[in-house]
Amino acid sequence: MKNDSMSANTAEKRQTIRDPREVKVKRALLSVSDKEGLIDFAKALAEHGVEILSTGGTAKAMSEAGIKVKDVSEHTGFPEMMDGRVKTLHPKVHGGILSRRSVESHVQAQKDHDIGDIDLVVVNLYPFSETVAKGAEYDECIENIDIGGPAMIRSAAKNHEFVTIITDPQDYEEVIEELKDHHGATTYKLRQKLAANAYAMTATYDSNISSWFTKQLEDESFPRRISFSGTLLQPLRYGENPHQNAALYHVDGSERPGAAHAKQIQGKELSYNNINDTDAAFEMVAEFDAPAVAIIKHANPCGVATGDNVLQAYGRALQCDPVSAFGGIIALNRTLTADVAKQIIEVFSEVIIAPDIEAGAFDVLKTKKNLRVLTTGGLPDIHDTRRLVSRVAGGLLVQDCDNGVITREELNVVSEREPTEEEFRDMLFAFKVAKHVKSNAIVYAKDGATVGIGAGQMNRLDSSRIAAIKAMEAAEALGLTQSLAKGSVVASDAFFPFADGLIAAAEAGVTAVIQPGGSIRDEEVIKAADERGLAMVYTGMRHFRH
């Protein structure tokens, strides 16, 4: 019988916890770093007769706005100390937040120790990521690791049965409306939602601190535990296909220019595939110091070129594969000018991305209202040492980004014939492009422009043949009888496992080859090159891209 009674009491308590009842907000604690919307929110609380507790700069801001505030140190009877490290870590704060008002022993403890309820907590944390981003010294970063804030957030979120927790100014309006609609109270449903947001925020905060600490260790190995965090930028209409849900998140702490941070000047909403392809295109043009343009379809380039200016580069990139360029993504590493814009709108494109756009170009592009136009304000640093993450079933694949760059001095000539200066330049250009082509990748290039690209095939011979076909088709589109591959160089992202892929490129008309080397049949491949009078260099670096 005793056990039955205990079970009944437990069930009753669980039912109480799940009961979505309203909780009147009588006392609130506000302590924020981001003071956006603070005064209006505090005034709304005051209108409902809520007693406001606060600390430091938050209390000062509200007092100066004429809002009655009680300092936390007055509430606890204990002074702030240790340069502000200890101010809210006190039983009168955490007891007031964590007490379960429906549990008799909790209520009695409050009475015994004069602990009043705190029904609403508004906290956002010291700006740790912003402090790191501005290049602050180690000690300053440490001092911007919040302790009391996360403790209060977690306490309030845990006790969401009775306490409302707000960690983002974006939530002020919703809480204000709820207080109006429910006579100064909040609902359980809203408190649940805000608690979930709160835990996501503290997880993000800790993740950013952990990532920073790992970098300070200057240890290139991977940590025992790893975490990543992001903030929702926008829900997307769908993912790769209409039946898949999708959203775009900003990786916390990253300010790398690109599709995620770009400002959309005009056009329809970006799709999942648009963003993926735009990112690939912009990362590619960042490889080049000279004015460059890349045209991308399905994350692979159908044309890439450099030139004296972006107008010349665009025209040469388009020539490589004008058929595939239809509906493509266009990336520039220079300001988008009006003359380039006039050429671009002659062919249907999905997205244009550039560091900047001049006013005249914008006037031209406005005639194509659905064309998405993005500006980034800068180019990504190709030498950046960030890490990339891919999802697999039940796990994550994490690797350093491929920021490998080969210079002329690092090339190893393995053929009998030494390449010409023009061939050296084109080989380095082609190898940079191959780095951004899905493996197996073969790139034919001439005079700083691609003339044929073979991507994503299951064997390198097919990639060579496809690139040759593309070069012939491009020539035919220009009214030429000779393939654009004639007199070009060829780049392979990985070694030729057999001589057949190189021979196919030679038959297409290439004069020089750049490849990593390292095959057990290297001698066979070198012999095939020498027999055909080709110059060949090894890079010693592979650029697989999957």
Protein backbone atom coordinates (compact mmCIF):
# COMPACT_ATOMS: atom_id res chain seq x y z
CA MET A 1 0.00 0.00 0.00
CA LYS A 2 2.88 2.35 0.86
CA ASN A 3 4.50 1.72 -2.52
CA ASP A 4 1.19 2.39 -4.27
CA SER A 5 0.92 5.72 -2.46
CA MET A 6 4.48 6.68 -3.42
CA SER A 7 3.77 5.80 -7.04
CA ALA A 8 0.62 7.91 -6.99
CA ASN A 9 2.52 10.89 -5.55
CA THR A 10 5.25 10.53 -8.16
CA ALA A 11 2.70 10.36 -10.95
CA GLU A 12 0.97 13.44 -9.56
CA LYS A 13 4.23 15.38 -9.49
CA ARG A 14 5.08 14.36 -13.05
CA GLN A 15 1.66 15.47 -14.18
CA THR A 16 2.22 18.80 -12.47
CA ILE A 17 5.47 19.30 -14.37
CA ARG A 18 3.78 18.64 -17.71
CA ASP A 19 0.83 20.87 -16.89
CA PRO A 20 1.05 23.84 -19.30
CA ARG A 21 -0.13 26.37 -16.74
CA GLU A 22 0.58 30.08 -16.73
CA VAL A 23 3.17 31.56 -14.35
CA LYS A 24 2.87 35.16 -13.22
CA VAL A 25 6.09 37.13 -13.61
CA LYS A 26 6.64 39.09 -10.38
CA ARG A 27 10.42 39.41 -10.28
CA ALA A 28 12.92 39.41 -13.16
CA LEU A 29 16.70 39.42 -13.34
CA LEU A 30 18.22 41.22 -16.35
CA SER A 31 21.96 41.08 -17.07
CA VAL A 32 22.92 41.52 -20.70
CA SER A 33 25.94 42.27 -22.83
CA ASP A 34 23.85 43.02 -25.93
CA LYS A 35 21.58 45.89 -24.90
CA GLU A 36 19.54 46.00 -28.10
CA GLY A 37 15.87 46.41 -27.17
CA LEU A 38 16.68 46.31 -23.45
CA ILE A 39 15.00 49.57 -22.42
CA ASP A 40 11.71 48.92 -24.22
CA PHE A 41 11.56 45.41 -22.78
CA ALA A 42 12.31 46.62 -19.24
CA LYS A 43 9.61 49.29 -19.55
CA ALA A 44 7.12 46.61 -20.59
CA LEU A 45 8.02 44.61 -17.47
CA ALA A 46 7.62 47.67 -15.29
CA GLU A 47 4.15 48.26 -16.74
CA HIS A 48 3.17 44.81 -15.42
CA GLY A 49 4.52 45.65 -11.95
CA VAL A 50 7.55 43.36 -12.26
CA GLU A 51 10.40 43.99 -9.83
CA ILE A 52 13.65 44.22 -11.80
CA LEU A 53 17.01 42.99 -10.49
CA SER A 54 20.15 43.78 -12.46
CA THR A 55 23.93 44.18 -12.46
CA GLY A 56 26.60 46.60 -13.64
CA GLY A 57 26.14 48.23 -17.03
CA THR A 58 22.68 46.76 -17.49
CA ALA A 59 21.41 48.31 -14.27
CA LYS A 60 23.01 51.64 -15.17
CA ALA A 61 21.41 51.72 -18.62
CA MET A 62 17.94 51.05 -17.19
CA SER A 63 18.35 53.53 -14.33
CA GLU A 64 19.39 56.27 -16.75
CA ALA A 65 16.22 55.50 -18.74
CA GLY A 66 14.14 56.12 -15.62
CA ILE A 67 13.39 52.47 -14.87
CA LYS A 68 13.39 51.39 -11.23
CA VAL A 69 16.10 48.76 -10.70
CA LYS A 70 17.38 46.87 -7.67
CA ASP A 71 21.04 45.90 -7.80
CA VAL A 72 21.72 42.18 -7.37
CA SER A 73 24.27 42.90 -4.63
CA GLU A 74 21.52 44.65 -2.64
CA HIS A 75 19.20 41.69 -3.24
CA THR A 76 21.78 39.13 -2.09
CA GLY A 77 23.38 41.26 0.64
CA PHE A 78 26.73 40.29 -0.84
CA PRO A 79 29.02 42.61 -2.84
CA GLU A 80 30.26 42.05 -6.38
CA MET A 81 33.92 41.02 -6.20
CA MET A 82 37.00 39.75 -8.03
CA ASP A 83 36.67 42.23 -10.91
CA GLY A 84 33.10 41.12 -11.55
CA ARG A 85 33.89 37.41 -11.71
CA VAL A 86 31.59 36.83 -8.74
CA LYS A 87 28.29 38.71 -8.63
CA THR A 88 25.34 36.40 -9.41
CA LEU A 89 26.84 33.16 -8.08
CA HIS A 90 24.78 33.27 -4.88
CA PRO A 91 22.01 31.10 -3.31
CA LYS A 92 19.59 34.04 -3.32
CA VAL A 93 19.96 34.18 -7.10
CA HIS A 94 20.13 30.52 -7.98
CA GLY A 95 17.76 29.44 -5.21
CA GLY A 96 15.21 31.94 -6.52
CA ILE A 97 15.64 30.59 -10.06
CA LEU A 98 15.86 26.85 -9.33
CA SER A 99 13.16 26.46 -6.67
CA ARG A 100 10.25 24.24 -7.72
CA ARG A 101 7.31 26.14 -6.34
CA SER A 102 5.18 23.00 -6.19
CA VAL A 103 7.62 21.07 -3.95
CA GLU A 104 7.10 21.78 -0.23
CA SER A 105 10.73 21.26 0.77
CA HIS A 106 11.86 23.81 -1.84
CA VAL A 107 9.34 26.38 -0.64
CA GLN A 108 10.35 25.79 2.99
CA ALA A 109 14.03 26.25 2.12
CA GLN A 110 13.18 29.57 0.51
CA LYS A 111 11.36 30.67 3.68
CA ASP A 112 14.19 29.50 5.95
CA HIS A 113 16.82 31.44 3.99
CA ASP A 114 14.78 34.41 2.81
CA ILE A 115 15.04 33.48 -0.88
CA GLY A 116 12.49 35.14 -3.11
CA ASP A 117 11.28 33.75 -6.44
CA ILE A 118 12.88 34.93 -9.67
CA ASP A 119 10.34 34.24 -12.40
CA LEU A 120 12.09 35.60 -15.48
CA VAL A 121 15.78 35.69 -16.39
CA VAL A 122 17.16 37.73 -19.29
CA VAL A 123 20.82 37.01 -19.98
CA ASN A 124 23.07 37.19 -22.99
CA LEU A 125 26.71 36.48 -22.53
CA TYR A 126 30.05 38.28 -22.56
CA PRO A 127 31.06 38.80 -26.22
CA PHE A 128 33.69 36.07 -26.32
CA SER A 129 33.61 35.42 -30.10
CA GLU A 130 33.63 39.13 -30.86
CA THR A 131 36.63 39.59 -28.57
CA VAL A 132 38.51 36.82 -30.37
CA ALA A 133 37.52 38.20 -33.79
CA LYS A 134 39.03 41.61 -33.03
CA GLY A 135 42.39 39.96 -32.31
CA ALA A 136 42.43 40.45 -28.54
CA GLU A 137 45.27 39.10 -26.43
CA TYR A 138 44.94 35.77 -24.63
CA ASP A 139 44.19 37.25 -21.18
CA GLU A 140 41.45 39.52 -22.54
CA CYS A 141 39.81 36.56 -24.26
CA ILE A 142 39.90 34.62 -20.98
CA GLU A 143 38.21 37.49 -19.12
CA ASN A 144 35.44 37.45 -21.72
CA ILE A 145 34.49 33.88 -20.87
CA ASP A 146 31.20 34.28 -19.01
CA ILE A 147 30.62 32.11 -15.93
CA GLY A 148 27.67 33.56 -14.03
CA GLY A 149 25.63 34.10 -17.20
CA PRO A 150 25.69 30.48 -18.42
CA ALA A 151 24.99 29.29 -14.87
CA MET A 152 21.84 31.43 -14.64
CA ILE A 153 20.72 30.45 -18.14
CA ARG A 154 21.06 26.75 -17.41
CA SER A 155 19.32 27.11 -14.06
CA ALA A 156 16.38 28.98 -15.55
CA ALA A 157 16.12 26.63 -18.52
CA LYS A 158 16.14 23.58 -16.25
CA ASN A 159 13.37 25.10 -14.15
CA HIS A 160 11.28 26.21 -17.14
CA GLU A 161 8.23 24.77 -15.37
CA PHE A 162 8.24 28.00 -13.37
CA VAL A 163 10.83 30.31 -14.93
CA THR A 164 10.99 32.11 -18.29
CA ILE A 165 14.49 32.38 -19.79
CA ILE A 166 15.38 34.84 -22.57
CA THR A 167 18.81 34.73 -24.24
CA ASP A 168 18.14 36.64 -27.47
CA PRO A 169 16.71 40.16 -27.97
CA GLN A 170 14.70 38.73 -30.88
CA ASP A 171 12.49 37.02 -28.28
CA TYR A 172 11.55 40.20 -26.39
CA GLU A 173 8.53 41.03 -28.52
CA GLU A 174 7.01 37.56 -28.22
CA VAL A 175 7.35 37.61 -24.43
CA ILE A 176 5.89 41.13 -24.23
CA GLU A 177 2.88 40.02 -26.26
CA GLU A 178 2.42 36.97 -24.06
CA LEU A 179 2.50 39.08 -20.90
CA LYS A 180 -0.20 41.31 -22.42
CA ASP A 181 -2.38 38.37 -23.50
CA HIS A 182 -2.04 36.49 -20.19
CA HIS A 183 -2.24 39.32 -17.67
CA GLY A 184 1.46 39.39 -16.80
CA ALA A 185 2.03 35.63 -17.07
CA THR A 186 3.78 33.31 -19.52
CA THR A 187 2.65 29.90 -20.79
CA TYR A 188 4.42 26.60 -20.38
CA LYS A 189 4.66 26.17 -24.17
CA LEU A 190 6.60 29.42 -24.55
CA ARG A 191 8.85 28.62 -21.59
CA GLN A 192 9.69 25.25 -23.15
CA LYS A 193 10.57 26.89 -26.45
CA LEU A 194 12.77 29.51 -24.79
CA ALA A 195 14.49 26.86 -22.66
CA ALA A 196 15.41 24.91 -25.80
CA ASN A 197 16.82 28.10 -27.32
CA ALA A 198 18.78 28.74 -24.14
CA TYR A 199 20.51 25.37 -24.09
CA ALA A 200 21.40 25.73 -27.78
CA MET A 201 22.94 29.10 -26.98
CA THR A 202 25.07 27.88 -24.08
CA ALA A 203 26.17 24.87 -26.16
CA THR A 204 27.22 27.25 -28.93
CA TYR A 205 29.07 29.47 -26.47
CA ASP A 206 31.01 26.57 -24.98
CA SER A 207 31.72 25.20 -28.47
CA ASN A 208 33.27 28.50 -29.54
CA ILE A 209 35.43 28.63 -26.41
CA SER A 210 36.56 25.04 -26.89
CA SER A 211 37.50 25.68 -30.52
CA TRP A 212 39.50 28.75 -29.54
CA PHE A 213 41.33 26.91 -26.76
CA THR A 214 42.23 24.10 -29.15
CA LYS A 215 43.83 26.62 -31.53
CA GLN A 216 45.82 28.18 -28.68
CA LEU A 217 47.46 24.82 -28.03
CA GLU A 218 49.03 24.94 -31.52
CA ASP A 219 48.46 21.21 -31.73
CA GLU A 220 47.62 20.04 -35.25
CA SER A 221 46.14 16.77 -34.00
CA PHE A 222 42.41 16.40 -33.64
CA PRO A 223 40.96 16.85 -30.13
CA ARG A 224 39.35 13.99 -28.24
CA ARG A 225 36.00 15.73 -28.49
CA ILE A 226 34.96 18.18 -31.17
CA SER A 227 31.92 20.42 -31.49
CA PHE A 228 30.58 22.78 -34.10
CA SER A 229 28.00 25.49 -33.77
CA GLY A 230 25.95 27.61 -36.10
CA THR A 231 23.23 30.24 -36.11
CA LEU A 232 20.23 30.03 -38.39
CA LEU A 233 20.45 32.58 -41.20
CA GLN A 234 17.41 31.50 -43.15
CA PRO A 235 15.18 28.51 -43.85
CA LEU A 236 15.36 27.45 -47.50
CA ARG A 237 12.46 26.49 -49.73
CA TYR A 238 13.85 22.95 -49.89
CA GLY A 239 17.13 21.03 -50.14
CA GLU A 240 18.68 19.40 -53.17
CA ASN A 241 15.19 18.19 -54.08
CA PRO A 242 11.69 19.51 -53.28
CA HIS A 243 10.92 16.70 -50.83
CA GLN A 244 13.95 17.62 -48.63
CA ASN A 245 13.79 20.34 -45.95
CA ALA A 246 16.82 22.62 -45.66
CA ALA A 247 18.20 25.74 -43.99
CA LEU A 248 21.33 27.90 -44.14
CA TYR A 249 23.36 28.37 -40.96
CA HIS A 250 26.23 30.72 -40.27
CA VAL A 251 29.18 28.93 -38.69
CA ASP A 252 29.82 30.82 -35.46
CA GLY A 253 33.12 32.63 -35.42
CA SER A 254 33.65 32.48 -39.19
CA GLU A 255 33.71 35.67 -41.23
CA ARG A 256 35.00 34.05 -44.45
CA PRO A 257 33.58 35.97 -47.43
CA GLY A 258 31.34 33.82 -49.58
CA ALA A 259 27.79 32.73 -50.24
CA ALA A 260 26.82 32.44 -46.56
CA HIS A 261 27.82 36.02 -45.71
CA ALA A 262 27.02 37.66 -49.04
CA LYS A 263 24.56 40.53 -49.39
CA GLN A 264 21.85 39.76 -51.93
CA ILE A 265 21.30 42.84 -54.09
CA GLN A 266 18.46 41.49 -56.18
CA GLY A 267 16.74 38.35 -57.45
CA LYS A 268 14.72 35.42 -56.23
CA GLU A 269 15.39 33.63 -52.98
CA LEU A 270 18.53 31.49 -53.10
CA SER A 271 18.01 27.74 -53.16
CA TYR A 272 20.13 25.07 -51.47
CA ASN A 273 21.75 24.21 -54.81
CA ASN A 274 22.31 27.90 -55.63
CA ILE A 275 24.21 28.42 -52.39
CA ASN A 276 26.28 25.27 -52.81
CA ASP A 277 27.28 26.13 -56.38
CA THR A 278 27.88 29.80 -55.59
CA ASP A 279 30.24 28.84 -52.78
CA ALA A 280 32.19 26.56 -55.14
CA ALA A 281 32.44 29.28 -57.79
CA PHE A 282 33.63 32.01 -55.44
CA GLU A 283 36.21 29.77 -53.76
CA MET A 284 37.62 29.03 -57.22
CA VAL A 285 38.11 32.61 -58.43
CA ALA A 286 39.82 33.45 -55.13
CA GLU A 287 42.71 31.23 -56.29
CA PHE A 288 43.84 33.81 -58.86
CA ASP A 289 45.67 37.12 -58.49
CA ALA A 290 44.74 38.27 -62.00
CA PRO A 291 41.14 39.22 -62.89
CA ALA A 292 39.27 35.91 -63.08
CA VAL A 293 35.80 34.55 -63.83
CA ALA A 294 34.40 31.08 -63.17
CA ILE A 295 31.14 29.65 -64.49
CA ILE A 296 29.85 26.75 -62.39
CA LYS A 297 27.19 24.08 -62.88
CA HIS A 298 26.46 21.46 -60.22
CA ALA A 299 29.56 22.48 -58.22
CA ASN A 300 31.85 21.85 -61.22
CA PRO A 301 33.34 24.53 -63.49
CA CYS A 302 32.27 24.60 -67.13
CA GLY A 303 34.63 27.49 -67.81
CA VAL A 304 37.34 29.39 -65.95
CA ALA A 305 39.60 32.13 -67.27
CA THR A 306 41.88 34.97 -66.28
CA GLY A 307 42.43 38.10 -68.33
CA ASP A 308 43.62 41.68 -68.41
CA ASN A 309 40.17 42.58 -67.02
CA VAL A 310 37.00 40.73 -66.00
CA LEU A 311 35.29 41.46 -69.33
CA GLN A 312 38.01 39.57 -71.17
CA ALA A 313 38.03 36.83 -68.52
CA TYR A 314 34.25 36.36 -68.77
CA GLY A 315 34.29 36.04 -72.55
CA ARG A 316 37.07 33.44 -72.45
CA ALA A 317 35.41 31.47 -69.63
CA LEU A 318 32.15 31.34 -71.60
CA GLN A 319 33.89 30.03 -74.71
CA CYS A 320 35.02 26.87 -72.90
CA ASP A 321 31.51 25.39 -72.71
CA PRO A 322 28.75 27.82 -73.75
CA VAL A 323 26.11 25.08 -73.71
CA SER A 324 26.71 24.09 -70.08
CA ALA A 325 26.99 27.75 -69.06
CA PHE A 326 23.23 28.14 -69.57
CA GLY A 327 21.68 28.43 -66.10
CA GLY A 328 25.09 28.60 -64.45
CA ILE A 329 26.62 30.45 -61.51
CA ILE A 330 29.08 33.22 -62.36
CA ALA A 331 31.80 34.29 -59.94
CA LEU A 332 34.21 37.21 -60.34
CA ASN A 333 37.21 38.14 -58.21
CA ARG A 334 36.92 41.80 -59.14
CA THR A 335 34.17 44.45 -59.07
CA LEU A 336 31.30 43.65 -61.44
CA THR A 337 31.26 46.41 -64.06
CA ALA A 338 28.53 47.53 -66.44
CA ASP A 339 30.28 46.19 -69.56
CA VAL A 340 30.53 42.72 -67.99
CA ALA A 341 26.92 42.87 -66.81
CA LYS A 342 25.76 43.59 -70.37
CA GLN A 343 27.52 40.46 -71.59
CA ILE A 344 26.28 38.28 -68.73
CA ILE A 345 22.57 39.03 -69.30
CA GLU A 346 22.88 37.75 -72.87
CA VAL A 347 22.97 34.21 -71.42
CA PHE A 348 20.53 32.92 -68.80
CA SER A 349 22.31 32.66 -65.44
CA GLU A 350 21.08 31.81 -61.96
CA VAL A 351 23.50 33.74 -59.73
CA ILE A 352 26.30 36.30 -59.97
CA ILE A 353 28.69 36.75 -57.06
CA ALA A 354 31.45 39.33 -56.83
CA PRO A 355 33.30 41.31 -54.16
CA ASP A 356 31.49 44.46 -55.27
CA ILE A 357 29.23 45.86 -58.00
CA GLU A 358 29.33 49.30 -59.58
CA ALA A 359 26.16 51.35 -59.91
CA GLY A 360 26.09 51.12 -63.70
CA ALA A 361 26.18 47.32 -63.54
CA PHE A 362 23.26 47.29 -61.14
CA ASP A 363 21.19 49.34 -63.58
CA VAL A 364 21.90 46.75 -66.28
CA LEU A 365 21.10 43.75 -64.09
CA LYS A 366 17.79 45.21 -62.92
CA THR A 367 16.38 44.30 -66.32
CA LYS A 368 16.67 40.64 -65.23
CA LYS A 369 14.73 40.86 -61.95
CA ASN A 370 14.96 37.12 -61.18
CA LEU A 371 18.76 37.03 -61.55
CA ARG A 372 20.29 36.69 -58.09
CA VAL A 373 23.15 39.14 -57.53
CA LEU A 374 25.42 38.83 -54.47
CA THR A 375 28.25 40.97 -53.15
CA THR A 376 30.74 39.82 -50.51
CA GLY A 377 32.93 42.83 -49.76
CA GLY A 378 36.08 40.76 -50.18
CA LEU A 379 37.64 37.47 -51.23
CA PRO A 380 38.23 34.35 -49.12
CA ASP A 381 41.82 33.69 -48.07
CA ILE A 382 43.00 30.58 -49.93
CA HIS A 383 45.71 30.07 -47.29
CA ASP A 384 43.17 29.86 -44.44
CA THR A 385 43.66 26.79 -42.21
CA ARG A 386 40.02 26.03 -41.44
CA ARG A 387 38.58 22.53 -41.12
CA LEU A 388 35.82 20.99 -43.23
CA VAL A 389 33.09 18.63 -42.03
CA SER A 390 31.08 16.01 -43.91
CA ARG A 391 28.32 13.83 -42.48
CA VAL A 392 28.33 10.05 -42.76
CA ALA A 393 25.89 7.63 -41.17
CA GLY A 394 26.50 7.82 -37.42
CA GLY A 395 29.55 10.05 -37.69
CA LEU A 396 31.42 13.06 -39.02
CA LEU A 397 34.39 13.22 -41.35
CA VAL A 398 36.63 16.15 -40.40
CA GLN A 399 39.64 17.31 -42.39
CA ASP A 400 41.80 20.36 -43.01
CA CYS A 401 40.70 22.36 -46.03
CA ASP A 402 42.71 21.89 -49.21
CA ASN A 403 44.73 25.09 -49.14
CA GLY A 404 47.72 23.56 -50.92
CA VAL A 405 49.30 25.84 -53.52
CA ILE A 406 52.09 24.80 -55.89
CA THR A 407 54.65 27.33 -57.11
CA ARG A 408 56.86 27.23 -60.20
CA GLU A 409 59.89 26.44 -58.06
CA GLU A 410 58.23 23.34 -56.62
CA LEU A 411 57.55 21.73 -59.99
CA ASN A 412 59.70 18.75 -60.93
CA VAL A 413 60.33 18.31 -64.65
CA VAL A 414 60.37 14.56 -65.37
CA SER A 415 60.22 14.58 -69.19
CA GLU A 416 63.06 14.90 -71.66
CA ARG A 417 61.69 18.20 -72.91
CA GLU A 418 61.65 21.26 -70.64
CA PRO A 419 58.33 23.16 -70.71
CA THR A 420 58.23 26.63 -72.23
CA GLU A 421 57.42 29.65 -70.08
CA GLU A 422 53.90 29.74 -71.57
CA GLU A 423 53.40 26.06 -70.72
CA PHE A 424 54.58 26.60 -67.16
CA ARG A 425 52.06 29.42 -66.69
CA ASP A 426 49.20 27.44 -68.17
CA MET A 427 50.05 24.31 -66.20
CA LEU A 428 49.95 26.21 -62.91
CA PHE A 429 46.65 27.79 -63.95
CA ALA A 430 45.15 24.42 -64.97
CA PHE A 431 46.27 22.73 -61.75
CA LYS A 432 44.55 25.44 -59.68
CA VAL A 433 41.35 24.81 -61.60
CA ALA A 434 41.69 21.02 -61.21
CA LYS A 435 41.76 21.54 -57.44
CA HIS A 436 38.11 22.67 -57.68
CA VAL A 437 36.87 19.98 -60.09
CA LYS A 438 35.26 16.77 -58.83
CA SER A 439 37.66 13.84 -59.12
CA ASN A 440 38.64 12.24 -61.41
CA ALA A 441 39.51 15.68 -62.81
CA ILE A 442 41.15 16.53 -66.12
CA VAL A 443 41.55 20.16 -67.22
CA TYR A 444 42.78 21.38 -70.61
CA ALA A 445 43.93 25.02 -70.60
CA LYS A 446 45.58 27.51 -72.91
CA ASP A 447 46.58 31.16 -72.42
CA GLY A 448 45.08 31.33 -68.93
CA ALA A 449 41.68 29.86 -69.83
CA THR A 450 40.14 26.41 -69.70
CA VAL A 451 39.34 24.88 -73.07
CA GLY A 452 38.01 21.52 -71.90
CA ILE A 453 37.07 20.01 -68.52
CA GLY A 454 36.36 16.38 -67.62
CA ALA A 455 34.87 15.96 -64.13
CA GLY A 456 33.67 13.29 -61.76
CA GLN A 457 34.27 10.20 -63.86
CA MET A 458 35.01 6.76 -62.49
CA ASN A 459 38.27 6.53 -64.45
CA ARG A 460 40.78 9.10 -65.64
CA LEU A 461 40.67 7.96 -69.27
CA ASP A 462 36.98 8.89 -69.53
CA SER A 463 37.70 12.30 -67.97
CA SER A 464 40.43 12.90 -70.58
CA ARG A 465 38.11 11.93 -73.41
CA ILE A 466 35.22 14.05 -72.11
CA ALA A 467 37.50 17.08 -71.74
CA ALA A 468 38.66 16.55 -75.34
CA ILE A 469 35.06 16.31 -76.55
CA LYS A 470 34.21 19.55 -74.73
CA ALA A 471 37.20 21.26 -76.38
CA MET A 472 36.02 20.16 -79.84
CA GLU A 473 32.42 21.21 -79.16
CA ALA A 474 33.61 24.64 -78.01
CA ALA A 475 35.63 25.04 -81.20
CA GLU A 476 32.62 24.12 -83.32
CA ALA A 477 30.49 26.68 -81.46
CA LEU A 478 33.08 29.30 -82.43
CA GLY A 479 33.06 28.14 -86.07
CA LEU A 480 36.53 26.60 -85.83
CA THR A 481 37.60 23.32 -87.41
CA GLN A 482 40.47 22.68 -85.00
CA SER A 483 39.86 21.65 -81.37
CA LEU A 484 40.60 24.24 -78.70
CA ALA A 485 42.71 21.54 -77.05
CA LYS A 486 45.29 21.85 -79.84
CA GLY A 487 48.38 23.42 -78.26
CA SER A 488 46.92 23.37 -74.75
CA VAL A 489 48.28 21.88 -71.52
CA VAL A 490 46.53 19.26 -69.40
CA ALA A 491 46.26 19.05 -65.61
CA SER A 492 45.28 15.93 -63.70
CA ASP A 493 44.22 16.20 -60.05
CA ALA A 494 45.91 12.87 -59.26
CA PHE A 495 48.48 10.66 -60.95
CA PHE A 496 47.78 8.81 -64.18
CA PRO A 497 47.48 5.17 -63.08
CA PHE A 498 48.03 4.12 -66.69
CA ALA A 499 49.40 5.86 -69.74
CA ASP A 500 46.02 5.72 -71.53
CA GLY A 501 44.63 8.93 -70.02
CA LEU A 502 47.76 10.85 -70.98
CA ILE A 503 47.74 9.36 -74.47
CA ALA A 504 44.10 10.46 -74.94
CA ALA A 505 45.14 14.00 -73.98
CA ALA A 506 48.10 13.86 -76.40
CA GLU A 507 45.77 12.77 -79.20
CA ALA A 508 43.55 15.77 -78.39
CA GLY A 509 46.55 18.04 -79.03
CA VAL A 510 48.10 18.92 -75.65
CA THR A 511 51.78 19.81 -75.49
CA ALA A 512 52.47 19.63 -71.75
CA VAL A 513 51.22 17.77 -68.67
CA ILE A 514 51.05 18.65 -64.99
CA GLN A 515 50.21 15.90 -62.50
CA PRO A 516 51.14 14.83 -58.95
CA GLY A 517 53.08 11.70 -59.93
CA GLY A 518 53.41 8.74 -57.60
CA SER A 519 51.94 5.89 -59.66
CA ILE A 520 53.66 2.51 -59.77
CA ARG A 521 53.53 3.02 -63.55
CA ASP A 522 55.15 6.46 -63.53
CA GLU A 523 57.97 5.28 -65.81
CA GLU A 524 55.43 4.00 -68.32
CA VAL A 525 53.60 7.34 -68.27
CA ILE A 526 56.84 9.34 -68.61
CA LYS A 527 57.87 7.16 -71.56
CA ALA A 528 54.50 7.81 -73.26
CA ALA A 529 55.01 11.55 -72.78
CA ASP A 530 58.55 11.48 -74.17
CA GLU A 531 57.49 9.42 -77.18
CA ARG A 532 54.96 12.13 -78.06
CA GLY A 533 57.24 15.08 -77.40
CA LEU A 534 55.25 16.24 -74.36
CA ALA A 535 56.77 18.18 -71.49
CA MET A 536 55.66 16.83 -68.12
CA VAL A 537 56.05 18.09 -64.55
CA TYR A 538 55.20 16.54 -61.19
CA THR A 539 53.72 18.54 -58.33
CA GLY A 540 54.02 15.97 -55.55
CA MET A 541 50.60 17.18 -54.35
CA ARG A 542 47.22 15.61 -55.08
CA HIS A 543 43.92 17.52 -55.24
CA PHE A 544 41.13 14.93 -54.91
CA ARG A 545 37.73 16.58 -54.47
CA HIS A 546 34.72 14.43 -53.64
